[in-house]
Amino acid sequence: MSLNLVLIEPEIPNNTGNIGRLALGTGSTLHLVKPFGFELTDKRLKRAGLDYWQHLNVIMYENVHEFFEQHKDKKMVFFSATATKSHWEINFENDMFLVFGKESVGLPKELLQQNIENTAKIPLYSEHIRSLNLANAVAITIYEGLRQINL
């Protein structure tokens, strides 16, 4: 049992470190797509991931094109605050790719439009917030996926 967490152009090292720790704890693979908004040697990345980073199954890609070329036949779900479908409507499967965009702007609009039927959001219950923190959003979705897969 395994899921794939994909961060396209992550910007904040603390989020990436936390998500790396989460990936290890859930037996998931972390896919990091460049460019990054930080260096992999950043102290904040290592602090958030603690000393677990060395045990993490992480794959890096030079750009979005390389990532999608390697995984074009895989089942993917794209997360966006603008999606109409809820993450509760996803039928999670083993080896599924959960794709998240950069913290400041999310996934590219063109990518979302091309994959509209596979786009989901985490519902928010206040009009005073635009989106959740990236690490929190990944945690919510990975555990919903694991819950479904383990039923």
Protein backbone atom coordinates (compact mmCIF):
# COMPACT_ATOMS: atom_id res chain seq x y z
CA MET A 1 0.00 0.00 0.00
CA SER A 2 1.43 3.32 -1.02
CA LEU A 3 0.41 6.75 -2.23
CA ASN A 4 2.51 9.33 -4.03
CA LEU A 5 2.71 12.92 -2.78
CA VAL A 6 3.68 15.37 -5.50
CA LEU A 7 4.79 18.94 -4.77
CA ILE A 8 5.09 21.05 -7.88
CA GLU A 9 7.53 23.92 -7.32
CA PRO A 10 7.27 24.09 -3.53
CA GLU A 11 8.34 27.45 -2.08
CA ILE A 12 8.49 27.05 1.71
CA PRO A 13 11.12 24.72 3.17
CA ASN A 14 9.22 24.12 6.41
CA ASN A 15 6.20 22.81 4.48
CA THR A 16 8.35 20.52 2.36
CA GLY A 17 10.14 19.22 5.46
CA ASN A 18 6.85 18.51 7.21
CA ILE A 19 5.44 16.80 4.13
CA GLY A 20 8.59 14.70 3.84
CA ARG A 21 8.14 13.56 7.42
CA LEU A 22 4.48 12.81 6.68
CA ALA A 23 5.44 10.83 3.56
CA LEU A 24 7.81 8.67 5.58
CA GLY A 25 5.26 8.15 8.34
CA THR A 26 2.60 7.03 5.87
CA GLY A 27 4.85 4.88 3.69
CA SER A 28 4.36 7.25 0.77
CA THR A 29 6.77 8.41 -1.91
CA LEU A 30 7.49 12.13 -2.12
CA HIS A 31 7.94 13.60 -5.61
CA LEU A 32 9.50 17.08 -5.72
CA VAL A 33 9.29 19.05 -8.97
CA LYS A 34 11.75 21.92 -9.52
CA PRO A 35 12.26 24.79 -9.36
CA PHE A 36 12.14 25.05 -5.58
CA GLY A 37 11.81 28.28 -3.63
CA PHE A 38 14.67 27.14 -1.35
CA GLU A 39 17.82 25.05 -1.32
CA LEU A 40 17.65 21.43 -0.19
CA THR A 41 20.37 22.30 2.32
CA ASP A 42 18.10 24.88 4.00
CA LYS A 43 18.13 24.46 7.79
CA ARG A 44 14.35 24.96 7.95
CA LEU A 45 13.79 21.99 5.63
CA LYS A 46 15.97 19.76 7.75
CA ARG A 47 14.50 21.04 11.02
CA ALA A 48 10.93 20.34 9.88
CA GLY A 49 11.90 16.91 8.54
CA LEU A 50 14.14 16.29 11.54
CA ASP A 51 16.57 13.45 11.04
CA TYR A 52 14.06 11.42 9.01
CA TRP A 53 14.97 12.85 5.60
CA GLN A 54 17.66 10.20 5.02
CA HIS A 55 15.03 7.43 5.24
CA LEU A 56 12.52 9.11 2.94
CA ASN A 57 11.72 7.77 -0.52
CA VAL A 58 12.01 11.03 -2.47
CA ILE A 59 12.26 11.48 -6.23
CA MET A 60 13.19 14.83 -7.80
CA TYR A 61 12.39 16.16 -11.25
CA GLU A 62 13.96 19.06 -13.11
CA ASN A 63 10.59 20.41 -14.24
CA VAL A 64 6.88 19.69 -14.66
CA HIS A 65 7.37 18.28 -18.15
CA GLU A 66 9.81 15.64 -16.88
CA PHE A 67 7.44 14.61 -14.09
CA PHE A 68 4.40 14.20 -16.33
CA GLU A 69 6.39 12.45 -19.06
CA GLN A 70 7.52 9.81 -16.57
CA HIS A 71 4.06 9.33 -15.02
CA LYS A 72 1.65 10.06 -17.88
CA ASP A 73 -0.22 6.77 -17.44
CA LYS A 74 -0.68 7.04 -13.66
CA LYS A 75 -3.91 7.90 -11.88
CA MET A 76 -3.66 11.42 -10.44
CA VAL A 77 -5.76 13.82 -8.41
CA PHE A 78 -4.97 17.53 -8.58
CA PHE A 79 -5.78 19.68 -5.56
CA SER A 80 -7.00 23.25 -5.82
CA ALA A 81 -9.04 25.59 -3.66
CA THR A 82 -11.01 26.44 -6.82
CA ALA A 83 -12.16 22.87 -7.57
CA THR A 84 -15.84 22.00 -7.31
CA LYS A 85 -15.46 18.37 -6.18
CA SER A 86 -14.56 17.58 -2.55
CA HIS A 87 -11.66 15.36 -1.53
CA TRP A 88 -14.33 13.12 0.06
CA GLU A 89 -15.57 12.29 -3.46
CA ILE A 90 -12.23 10.81 -4.54
CA ASN A 91 -11.99 7.06 -4.84
CA PHE A 92 -8.44 6.67 -3.59
CA GLU A 93 -6.42 3.76 -4.94
CA ASN A 94 -3.05 2.26 -4.18
CA ASP A 95 -0.21 4.01 -6.05
CA MET A 96 -2.37 7.09 -6.81
CA PHE A 97 -0.56 10.42 -7.25
CA LEU A 98 -1.83 13.35 -5.13
CA VAL A 99 -0.62 16.52 -6.83
CA PHE A 100 -0.25 19.87 -5.04
CA GLY A 101 0.95 23.24 -6.32
CA LYS A 102 3.16 25.92 -4.88
CA GLU A 103 2.05 27.74 -1.76
CA SER A 104 1.59 31.19 -3.34
CA VAL A 105 -0.56 30.34 -6.37
CA GLY A 106 -1.32 26.61 -6.37
CA LEU A 107 -1.25 24.57 -9.55
CA PRO A 108 -1.16 26.23 -12.98
CA LYS A 109 -4.67 27.03 -14.27
CA GLU A 110 -3.97 25.28 -17.57
CA LEU A 111 -3.05 22.06 -15.76
CA LEU A 112 -6.25 22.24 -13.69
CA GLN A 113 -8.38 22.86 -16.78
CA GLN A 114 -6.81 19.89 -18.58
CA ASN A 115 -7.60 17.67 -15.58
CA ILE A 116 -10.87 19.18 -14.37
CA GLU A 117 -12.51 15.78 -13.82
CA ASN A 118 -9.63 14.77 -11.52
CA THR A 119 -9.46 17.98 -9.50
CA ALA A 120 -10.58 18.23 -5.89
CA LYS A 121 -10.55 20.59 -2.93
CA ILE A 122 -10.74 20.38 0.81
CA PRO A 123 -13.94 22.13 1.91
CA LEU A 124 -13.56 25.31 3.96
CA TYR A 125 -16.29 26.48 6.28
CA SER A 126 -15.41 30.16 6.57
CA GLU A 127 -15.45 32.91 3.97
CA HIS A 128 -12.50 34.51 5.74
CA ILE A 129 -9.92 32.01 4.45
CA ARG A 130 -8.78 31.28 0.87
CA SER A 131 -6.96 28.02 1.47
CA LEU A 132 -5.22 25.79 3.99
CA ASN A 133 -1.51 25.55 4.63
CA LEU A 134 0.05 23.15 2.12
CA ALA A 135 1.38 20.72 4.74
CA ASN A 136 -2.05 20.60 6.40
CA ALA A 137 -3.80 19.99 3.07
CA VAL A 138 -1.45 17.14 2.22
CA ALA A 139 -1.98 15.58 5.67
CA ILE A 140 -5.76 15.74 5.35
CA THR A 141 -5.80 14.10 1.93
CA ILE A 142 -3.19 11.39 2.58
CA TYR A 143 -4.99 10.14 5.65
CA GLU A 144 -8.36 10.14 3.88
CA GLY A 145 -6.70 8.12 1.12
CA LEU A 146 -5.16 5.66 3.57
CA ARG A 147 -8.50 5.33 5.37
CA GLN A 148 -10.24 4.38 2.13
CA ILE A 149 -7.51 2.01 0.98
CA ASN A 150 -7.46 0.23 4.34
CA LEU A 151 -11.25 -0.30 4.56
